[in-house]
Amino acid sequence: MRAVLQRVSAASVTVDGAIVGEIQRGLLALVGIGHRDGEAEVAALVDKVLGLRIFPDDDGKMNRSVVDAGGGVLVVSQFTLLGDVRRGRRPSFTAAASPEIAAPLIDHMLVLIGQAGVPVAGGRFGAHMDVKLVNDGPVTIVVDVGGGRVQ
């Protein structure tokens, strides 16, 4: 599982001209699910997303989490994060999980974030999504999770 986390002042997802998910200050999480990923990996990723100290404190140092900062999380499924570009010029997406596996795991991620009391929104799985964001910083972090471990 791979996630690209972007600290944002605002972010939204639009499908067919209608906003389907939006947050103000918080994190945009672009998430790619692999074949071997399951609920343990989702839980590890959610723990990292909610605990990562990348928001400024009163002294301007990155010491606060999205929870501490009172922010939200916008989760957008993005299988292309698992694209393999080592050979040729066309990415291979064979490492990405099928929609039957990935969609429930993305839903589980949304539930876990919501259960933590953090405002959460999502895109629409499998749809062509227009993602808008105002990157705050900019601060962008890549998180890889495998076997329940976060790297």
N, C-alpha and C. Protein backbone atom coordinates (compact mmCIF):
# COMPACT_ATOMS: atom_id res chain seq x y z
N MET A 1 0.86 -1.16 0.00
CA MET A 1 0.00 0.00 0.00
C MET A 1 0.91 1.22 0.00
N ARG A 2 0.53 2.19 -0.80
CA ARG A 2 1.30 3.43 -0.88
C ARG A 2 0.33 4.60 -0.78
N ALA A 3 0.78 5.63 -0.03
CA ALA A 3 -0.02 6.84 0.08
C ALA A 3 0.88 8.05 -0.13
N VAL A 4 0.35 9.02 -0.82
CA VAL A 4 0.98 10.32 -0.93
C VAL A 4 0.10 11.27 -0.13
N LEU A 5 0.70 11.84 0.92
CA LEU A 5 -0.03 12.74 1.81
C LEU A 5 0.39 14.17 1.51
N GLN A 6 -0.59 15.02 1.28
CA GLN A 6 -0.32 16.43 1.04
C GLN A 6 -1.05 17.25 2.08
N ARG A 7 -0.27 18.09 2.79
CA ARG A 7 -0.89 19.00 3.74
C ARG A 7 -1.57 20.09 2.93
N VAL A 8 -2.84 20.33 3.19
CA VAL A 8 -3.62 21.26 2.37
C VAL A 8 -4.35 22.29 3.22
N SER A 9 -4.59 23.44 2.57
CA SER A 9 -5.48 24.45 3.15
C SER A 9 -6.92 24.12 2.80
N ALA A 10 -7.09 23.45 1.65
CA ALA A 10 -8.41 23.01 1.19
C ALA A 10 -8.18 21.98 0.09
N ALA A 11 -9.12 21.05 -0.05
CA ALA A 11 -9.06 20.06 -1.12
C ALA A 11 -10.47 19.56 -1.41
N SER A 12 -10.69 19.21 -2.68
CA SER A 12 -12.00 18.68 -3.07
C SER A 12 -11.85 17.71 -4.22
N VAL A 13 -12.87 16.86 -4.37
CA VAL A 13 -12.95 15.90 -5.47
C VAL A 13 -14.29 16.13 -6.16
N THR A 14 -14.21 16.27 -7.48
CA THR A 14 -15.41 16.48 -8.29
C THR A 14 -15.56 15.33 -9.27
N VAL A 15 -16.77 14.81 -9.40
CA VAL A 15 -17.11 13.77 -10.37
C VAL A 15 -18.31 14.25 -11.17
N ASP A 16 -18.20 14.25 -12.48
CA ASP A 16 -19.29 14.69 -13.36
C ASP A 16 -19.83 16.06 -12.97
N GLY A 17 -18.94 16.97 -12.60
CA GLY A 17 -19.34 18.34 -12.29
C GLY A 17 -19.87 18.57 -10.89
N ALA A 18 -19.95 17.52 -10.07
CA ALA A 18 -20.47 17.67 -8.71
C ALA A 18 -19.39 17.32 -7.70
N ILE A 19 -19.25 18.13 -6.66
CA ILE A 19 -18.29 17.84 -5.60
C ILE A 19 -18.81 16.66 -4.80
N VAL A 20 -17.97 15.61 -4.70
CA VAL A 20 -18.35 14.40 -3.95
C VAL A 20 -17.63 14.30 -2.61
N GLY A 21 -16.59 15.10 -2.43
CA GLY A 21 -15.86 15.11 -1.16
C GLY A 21 -15.01 16.36 -1.07
N GLU A 22 -14.96 16.95 0.13
CA GLU A 22 -14.12 18.13 0.31
C GLU A 22 -13.78 18.31 1.78
N ILE A 23 -12.62 18.93 2.00
CA ILE A 23 -12.19 19.29 3.34
C ILE A 23 -11.61 20.70 3.27
N GLN A 24 -11.47 21.30 4.42
CA GLN A 24 -10.69 22.53 4.52
C GLN A 24 -9.29 22.10 4.97
N ARG A 25 -8.74 22.73 5.95
CA ARG A 25 -7.38 22.41 6.40
C ARG A 25 -7.27 20.93 6.77
N GLY A 26 -6.18 20.30 6.34
CA GLY A 26 -5.97 18.92 6.69
C GLY A 26 -5.03 18.22 5.74
N LEU A 27 -5.35 16.96 5.43
CA LEU A 27 -4.52 16.13 4.57
C LEU A 27 -5.32 15.57 3.41
N LEU A 28 -4.73 15.66 2.22
CA LEU A 28 -5.22 14.92 1.07
C LEU A 28 -4.40 13.65 1.03
N ALA A 29 -5.05 12.49 1.06
CA ALA A 29 -4.37 11.20 1.02
C ALA A 29 -4.72 10.49 -0.28
N LEU A 30 -3.75 10.43 -1.18
CA LEU A 30 -3.89 9.65 -2.41
C LEU A 30 -3.41 8.25 -2.07
N VAL A 31 -4.26 7.23 -2.24
CA VAL A 31 -3.96 5.90 -1.71
C VAL A 31 -4.04 4.84 -2.80
N GLY A 32 -2.96 4.07 -2.93
CA GLY A 32 -2.91 2.93 -3.84
C GLY A 32 -2.87 1.64 -3.04
N ILE A 33 -3.76 0.70 -3.36
CA ILE A 33 -3.86 -0.58 -2.66
C ILE A 33 -3.26 -1.68 -3.53
N GLY A 34 -2.40 -2.51 -2.93
CA GLY A 34 -1.78 -3.62 -3.64
C GLY A 34 -2.47 -4.94 -3.36
N HIS A 35 -2.06 -5.98 -4.09
CA HIS A 35 -2.65 -7.33 -3.97
C HIS A 35 -2.56 -7.90 -2.56
N ARG A 36 -1.47 -7.64 -1.88
CA ARG A 36 -1.24 -8.25 -0.57
C ARG A 36 -1.75 -7.41 0.59
N ASP A 37 -2.37 -6.30 0.29
CA ASP A 37 -2.84 -5.40 1.34
C ASP A 37 -4.16 -5.87 1.92
N GLY A 38 -4.32 -5.61 3.21
CA GLY A 38 -5.55 -5.98 3.90
C GLY A 38 -5.84 -4.98 5.02
N GLU A 39 -6.69 -5.39 5.93
CA GLU A 39 -7.10 -4.49 7.01
C GLU A 39 -5.95 -4.09 7.92
N ALA A 40 -4.95 -4.97 8.10
CA ALA A 40 -3.80 -4.62 8.94
C ALA A 40 -3.01 -3.46 8.32
N GLU A 41 -2.85 -3.49 7.01
CA GLU A 41 -2.13 -2.40 6.34
C GLU A 41 -2.92 -1.10 6.39
N VAL A 42 -4.23 -1.22 6.24
CA VAL A 42 -5.09 -0.02 6.32
C VAL A 42 -4.97 0.58 7.72
N ALA A 43 -5.04 -0.25 8.75
CA ALA A 43 -4.94 0.25 10.13
C ALA A 43 -3.59 0.92 10.38
N ALA A 44 -2.52 0.32 9.86
CA ALA A 44 -1.18 0.91 10.03
C ALA A 44 -1.09 2.25 9.31
N LEU A 45 -1.66 2.34 8.12
CA LEU A 45 -1.64 3.59 7.38
C LEU A 45 -2.46 4.66 8.08
N VAL A 46 -3.64 4.31 8.55
CA VAL A 46 -4.49 5.28 9.25
C VAL A 46 -3.78 5.79 10.50
N ASP A 47 -3.12 4.90 11.24
CA ASP A 47 -2.37 5.30 12.43
C ASP A 47 -1.30 6.33 12.05
N LYS A 48 -0.60 6.09 10.96
CA LYS A 48 0.45 7.01 10.51
C LYS A 48 -0.16 8.34 10.05
N VAL A 49 -1.22 8.27 9.25
CA VAL A 49 -1.86 9.48 8.73
C VAL A 49 -2.33 10.37 9.87
N LEU A 50 -2.96 9.78 10.87
CA LEU A 50 -3.52 10.56 11.97
C LEU A 50 -2.46 11.03 12.96
N GLY A 51 -1.32 10.35 13.01
CA GLY A 51 -0.30 10.70 14.00
C GLY A 51 0.90 11.46 13.47
N LEU A 52 1.03 11.53 12.16
CA LEU A 52 2.19 12.19 11.55
C LEU A 52 2.21 13.67 11.91
N ARG A 53 3.31 14.12 12.51
CA ARG A 53 3.42 15.49 12.99
C ARG A 53 3.99 16.38 11.90
N ILE A 54 3.08 16.89 11.04
CA ILE A 54 3.51 17.74 9.93
C ILE A 54 2.75 19.06 9.87
N PHE A 55 2.06 19.39 10.97
CA PHE A 55 1.37 20.68 11.06
C PHE A 55 2.13 21.55 12.05
N PRO A 56 2.18 22.86 11.78
CA PRO A 56 2.98 23.74 12.63
C PRO A 56 2.35 23.98 14.01
N ASP A 57 3.25 24.09 15.01
CA ASP A 57 2.82 24.50 16.33
C ASP A 57 2.88 26.02 16.41
N ASP A 58 2.74 26.57 17.60
CA ASP A 58 2.74 28.02 17.77
C ASP A 58 4.08 28.66 17.39
N ASP A 59 5.15 27.86 17.40
CA ASP A 59 6.48 28.37 17.03
C ASP A 59 6.81 28.12 15.56
N GLY A 60 5.84 27.57 14.80
CA GLY A 60 6.06 27.31 13.39
C GLY A 60 6.79 26.01 13.09
N LYS A 61 7.04 25.20 14.10
CA LYS A 61 7.72 23.91 13.91
C LYS A 61 6.68 22.82 13.66
N MET A 62 7.03 21.85 12.83
CA MET A 62 6.10 20.75 12.52
C MET A 62 6.03 19.80 13.72
N ASN A 63 5.11 20.08 14.63
CA ASN A 63 4.95 19.29 15.85
C ASN A 63 3.53 18.81 16.09
N ARG A 64 2.61 19.16 15.20
CA ARG A 64 1.21 18.78 15.41
C ARG A 64 0.75 17.81 14.34
N SER A 65 -0.12 16.91 14.73
CA SER A 65 -0.74 15.97 13.79
C SER A 65 -2.00 16.62 13.23
N VAL A 66 -2.62 15.97 12.27
CA VAL A 66 -3.89 16.46 11.73
C VAL A 66 -4.95 16.47 12.83
N VAL A 67 -4.86 15.54 13.76
CA VAL A 67 -5.79 15.50 14.89
C VAL A 67 -5.57 16.72 15.77
N ASP A 68 -4.30 16.98 16.12
CA ASP A 68 -3.96 18.13 16.97
C ASP A 68 -4.37 19.44 16.31
N ALA A 69 -4.23 19.51 14.99
CA ALA A 69 -4.52 20.74 14.24
C ALA A 69 -6.01 20.92 13.97
N GLY A 70 -6.82 19.91 14.29
CA GLY A 70 -8.26 20.00 14.05
C GLY A 70 -8.61 19.93 12.58
N GLY A 71 -7.77 19.24 11.79
CA GLY A 71 -8.00 19.15 10.35
C GLY A 71 -8.80 17.93 9.95
N GLY A 72 -9.07 17.84 8.66
CA GLY A 72 -9.78 16.70 8.09
C GLY A 72 -8.87 15.93 7.16
N VAL A 73 -9.39 14.81 6.66
CA VAL A 73 -8.66 13.97 5.72
C VAL A 73 -9.57 13.68 4.53
N LEU A 74 -9.05 13.95 3.34
CA LEU A 74 -9.74 13.60 2.09
C LEU A 74 -8.99 12.43 1.49
N VAL A 75 -9.65 11.27 1.38
CA VAL A 75 -9.04 10.05 0.87
C VAL A 75 -9.48 9.84 -0.58
N VAL A 76 -8.48 9.68 -1.47
CA VAL A 76 -8.75 9.46 -2.88
C VAL A 76 -8.00 8.21 -3.32
N SER A 77 -8.74 7.21 -3.76
CA SER A 77 -8.13 5.98 -4.27
C SER A 77 -7.39 6.29 -5.56
N GLN A 78 -6.14 5.79 -5.67
CA GLN A 78 -5.35 6.07 -6.86
C GLN A 78 -4.43 4.89 -7.16
N PHE A 79 -4.93 3.94 -7.95
CA PHE A 79 -4.16 2.74 -8.26
C PHE A 79 -2.87 3.05 -9.01
N THR A 80 -2.81 4.20 -9.67
CA THR A 80 -1.61 4.54 -10.45
C THR A 80 -0.38 4.76 -9.57
N LEU A 81 -0.57 4.93 -8.26
CA LEU A 81 0.58 5.04 -7.36
C LEU A 81 1.41 3.77 -7.35
N LEU A 82 0.81 2.66 -7.76
CA LEU A 82 1.53 1.38 -7.78
C LEU A 82 2.05 1.04 -9.16
N GLY A 83 2.06 2.02 -10.05
CA GLY A 83 2.58 1.80 -11.41
C GLY A 83 4.06 1.47 -11.40
N ASP A 84 4.43 0.48 -12.18
CA ASP A 84 5.83 0.05 -12.31
C ASP A 84 6.36 0.60 -13.64
N VAL A 85 7.35 1.48 -13.57
CA VAL A 85 7.89 2.11 -14.78
C VAL A 85 9.33 1.66 -15.06
N ARG A 86 9.75 0.55 -14.47
CA ARG A 86 11.12 0.09 -14.66
C ARG A 86 11.41 -0.35 -16.09
N ARG A 87 10.42 -0.83 -16.80
CA ARG A 87 10.63 -1.31 -18.17
C ARG A 87 9.71 -0.58 -19.12
N GLY A 88 10.25 -0.17 -20.22
CA GLY A 88 9.44 0.46 -21.26
C GLY A 88 8.97 1.84 -20.88
N ARG A 89 7.98 2.31 -21.61
CA ARG A 89 7.45 3.66 -21.40
C ARG A 89 6.00 3.67 -20.93
N ARG A 90 5.38 2.50 -20.90
CA ARG A 90 4.00 2.42 -20.41
C ARG A 90 4.02 1.76 -19.04
N PRO A 91 3.49 2.42 -18.02
CA PRO A 91 3.48 1.82 -16.68
C PRO A 91 2.68 0.52 -16.65
N SER A 92 3.15 -0.40 -15.83
CA SER A 92 2.41 -1.63 -15.57
C SER A 92 1.71 -1.45 -14.23
N PHE A 93 0.43 -1.81 -14.19
CA PHE A 93 -0.33 -1.66 -12.95
C PHE A 93 -0.70 -3.01 -12.35
N THR A 94 0.08 -4.05 -12.66
CA THR A 94 -0.24 -5.38 -12.17
C THR A 94 -0.10 -5.50 -10.66
N ALA A 95 0.64 -4.60 -10.01
CA ALA A 95 0.77 -4.65 -8.55
C ALA A 95 -0.46 -4.11 -7.84
N ALA A 96 -1.30 -3.39 -8.54
CA ALA A 96 -2.50 -2.81 -7.93
C ALA A 96 -3.57 -3.87 -7.74
N ALA A 97 -4.25 -3.79 -6.61
CA ALA A 97 -5.33 -4.74 -6.31
C ALA A 97 -6.52 -4.48 -7.22
N SER A 98 -7.31 -5.52 -7.42
CA SER A 98 -8.53 -5.39 -8.21
C SER A 98 -9.53 -4.51 -7.45
N PRO A 99 -10.48 -3.93 -8.16
CA PRO A 99 -11.50 -3.12 -7.48
C PRO A 99 -12.26 -3.88 -6.39
N GLU A 100 -12.44 -5.18 -6.58
CA GLU A 100 -13.16 -5.98 -5.57
C GLU A 100 -12.41 -6.03 -4.25
N ILE A 101 -11.10 -5.95 -4.31
CA ILE A 101 -10.27 -5.95 -3.09
C ILE A 101 -10.07 -4.53 -2.59
N ALA A 102 -9.74 -3.62 -3.50
CA ALA A 102 -9.36 -2.26 -3.10
C ALA A 102 -10.52 -1.42 -2.58
N ALA A 103 -11.67 -1.49 -3.21
CA ALA A 103 -12.79 -0.62 -2.80
C ALA A 103 -13.19 -0.83 -1.34
N PRO A 104 -13.36 -2.08 -0.86
CA PRO A 104 -13.70 -2.25 0.55
C PRO A 104 -12.61 -1.75 1.50
N LEU A 105 -11.34 -1.84 1.08
CA LEU A 105 -10.26 -1.36 1.94
C LEU A 105 -10.25 0.16 2.03
N ILE A 106 -10.54 0.83 0.92
CA ILE A 106 -10.67 2.29 0.96
C ILE A 106 -11.84 2.67 1.86
N ASP A 107 -12.96 1.96 1.75
CA ASP A 107 -14.11 2.23 2.62
C ASP A 107 -13.74 2.02 4.09
N HIS A 108 -12.96 0.96 4.36
CA HIS A 108 -12.52 0.67 5.73
C HIS A 108 -11.65 1.82 6.26
N MET A 109 -10.80 2.36 5.40
CA MET A 109 -9.95 3.48 5.80
C MET A 109 -10.80 4.68 6.20
N LEU A 110 -11.83 4.98 5.41
CA LEU A 110 -12.73 6.09 5.72
C LEU A 110 -13.42 5.87 7.08
N VAL A 111 -13.84 4.64 7.34
CA VAL A 111 -14.50 4.32 8.60
C VAL A 111 -13.54 4.52 9.78
N LEU A 112 -12.31 4.01 9.66
CA LEU A 112 -11.35 4.13 10.76
C LEU A 112 -11.02 5.58 11.06
N ILE A 113 -10.85 6.39 10.03
CA ILE A 113 -10.56 7.81 10.25
C ILE A 113 -11.75 8.48 10.94
N GLY A 114 -12.95 8.19 10.47
CA GLY A 114 -14.15 8.76 11.09
C GLY A 114 -14.31 8.32 12.54
N GLN A 115 -14.00 7.06 12.83
CA GLN A 115 -14.10 6.56 14.20
C GLN A 115 -13.13 7.25 15.14
N ALA A 116 -12.05 7.80 14.57
CA ALA A 116 -11.07 8.53 15.38
C ALA A 116 -11.54 9.96 15.65
N GLY A 117 -12.71 10.32 15.14
CA GLY A 117 -13.25 11.65 15.38
C GLY A 117 -12.72 12.72 14.45
N VAL A 118 -12.09 12.31 13.36
CA VAL A 118 -11.52 13.25 12.40
C VAL A 118 -12.50 13.42 11.24
N PRO A 119 -12.78 14.65 10.83
CA PRO A 119 -13.63 14.84 9.66
C PRO A 119 -12.99 14.14 8.46
N VAL A 120 -13.77 13.36 7.74
CA VAL A 120 -13.23 12.57 6.63
C VAL A 120 -14.17 12.67 5.43
N ALA A 121 -13.58 12.69 4.25
CA ALA A 121 -14.34 12.67 3.01
C ALA A 121 -13.59 11.79 2.03
N GLY A 122 -14.28 11.37 0.99
CA GLY A 122 -13.64 10.50 0.00
C GLY A 122 -14.05 10.87 -1.40
N GLY A 123 -13.31 10.32 -2.33
CA GLY A 123 -13.66 10.45 -3.74
C GLY A 123 -14.70 9.39 -4.08
N ARG A 124 -14.81 9.06 -5.35
CA ARG A 124 -15.72 8.00 -5.78
C ARG A 124 -14.88 6.94 -6.46
N PHE A 125 -14.82 5.77 -5.86
CA PHE A 125 -13.96 4.70 -6.34
C PHE A 125 -14.28 4.37 -7.80
N GLY A 126 -13.23 4.31 -8.62
CA GLY A 126 -13.36 3.91 -10.02
C GLY A 126 -13.83 5.00 -10.97
N ALA A 127 -14.18 6.16 -10.44
CA ALA A 127 -14.67 7.25 -11.29
C ALA A 127 -13.50 8.09 -11.78
N HIS A 128 -13.75 8.83 -12.85
CA HIS A 128 -12.79 9.84 -13.28
C HIS A 128 -13.01 11.03 -12.36
N MET A 129 -11.98 11.35 -11.56
CA MET A 129 -12.12 12.38 -10.54
C MET A 129 -11.24 13.58 -10.86
N ASP A 130 -11.77 14.76 -10.65
CA ASP A 130 -10.98 15.99 -10.70
C ASP A 130 -10.66 16.34 -9.25
N VAL A 131 -9.38 16.34 -8.93
CA VAL A 131 -8.94 16.62 -7.56
C VAL A 131 -8.32 18.03 -7.54
N LYS A 132 -8.87 18.87 -6.69
CA LYS A 132 -8.34 20.22 -6.52
C LYS A 132 -7.78 20.33 -5.12
N LEU A 133 -6.64 21.02 -5.01
CA LEU A 133 -6.06 21.21 -3.69
C LEU A 133 -5.27 22.50 -3.64
N VAL A 134 -5.20 23.04 -2.45
CA VAL A 134 -4.31 24.15 -2.16
C VAL A 134 -3.28 23.56 -1.22
N ASN A 135 -2.08 23.28 -1.76
CA ASN A 135 -1.02 22.66 -0.99
C ASN A 135 -0.49 23.67 0.01
N ASP A 136 -0.45 23.28 1.27
CA ASP A 136 -0.03 24.16 2.36
C ASP A 136 1.43 23.89 2.69
N GLY A 137 2.30 24.74 2.25
CA GLY A 137 3.72 24.60 2.57
C GLY A 137 4.62 24.86 1.38
N PRO A 138 4.68 24.02 0.41
CA PRO A 138 4.03 22.71 0.31
C PRO A 138 4.70 21.65 1.19
N VAL A 139 3.87 20.74 1.69
CA VAL A 139 4.35 19.60 2.46
C VAL A 139 3.74 18.36 1.82
N THR A 140 4.60 17.48 1.30
CA THR A 140 4.15 16.25 0.66
C THR A 140 5.01 15.10 1.18
N ILE A 141 4.37 14.04 1.68
CA ILE A 141 5.06 12.89 2.27
C ILE A 141 4.56 11.63 1.59
N VAL A 142 5.49 10.72 1.24
CA VAL A 142 5.13 9.42 0.69
C VAL A 142 5.27 8.38 1.80
N VAL A 143 4.21 7.56 1.97
CA VAL A 143 4.20 6.53 2.99
C VAL A 143 3.95 5.19 2.33
N ASP A 144 4.84 4.23 2.58
CA ASP A 144 4.66 2.86 2.08
C ASP A 144 4.35 1.95 3.27
N VAL A 145 3.38 1.08 3.08
CA VAL A 145 2.97 0.14 4.12
C VAL A 145 3.00 -1.26 3.52
N GLY A 146 3.63 -2.19 4.24
CA GLY A 146 3.65 -3.57 3.80
C GLY A 146 3.75 -4.49 4.99
N GLY A 147 2.95 -5.55 5.00
CA GLY A 147 2.98 -6.49 6.12
C GLY A 147 2.63 -5.83 7.45
N GLY A 148 1.77 -4.77 7.40
CA GLY A 148 1.39 -4.06 8.61
C GLY A 148 2.43 -3.06 9.06
N ARG A 149 3.57 -2.96 8.33
CA ARG A 149 4.65 -2.02 8.68
C ARG A 149 4.55 -0.75 7.85
N VAL A 150 4.97 0.33 8.45
CA VAL A 150 4.99 1.61 7.74
C VAL A 150 6.44 1.99 7.48
N GLN A 151 6.71 2.44 6.25
CA GLN A 151 8.07 2.86 5.89
C GLN A 151 8.04 4.30 5.43
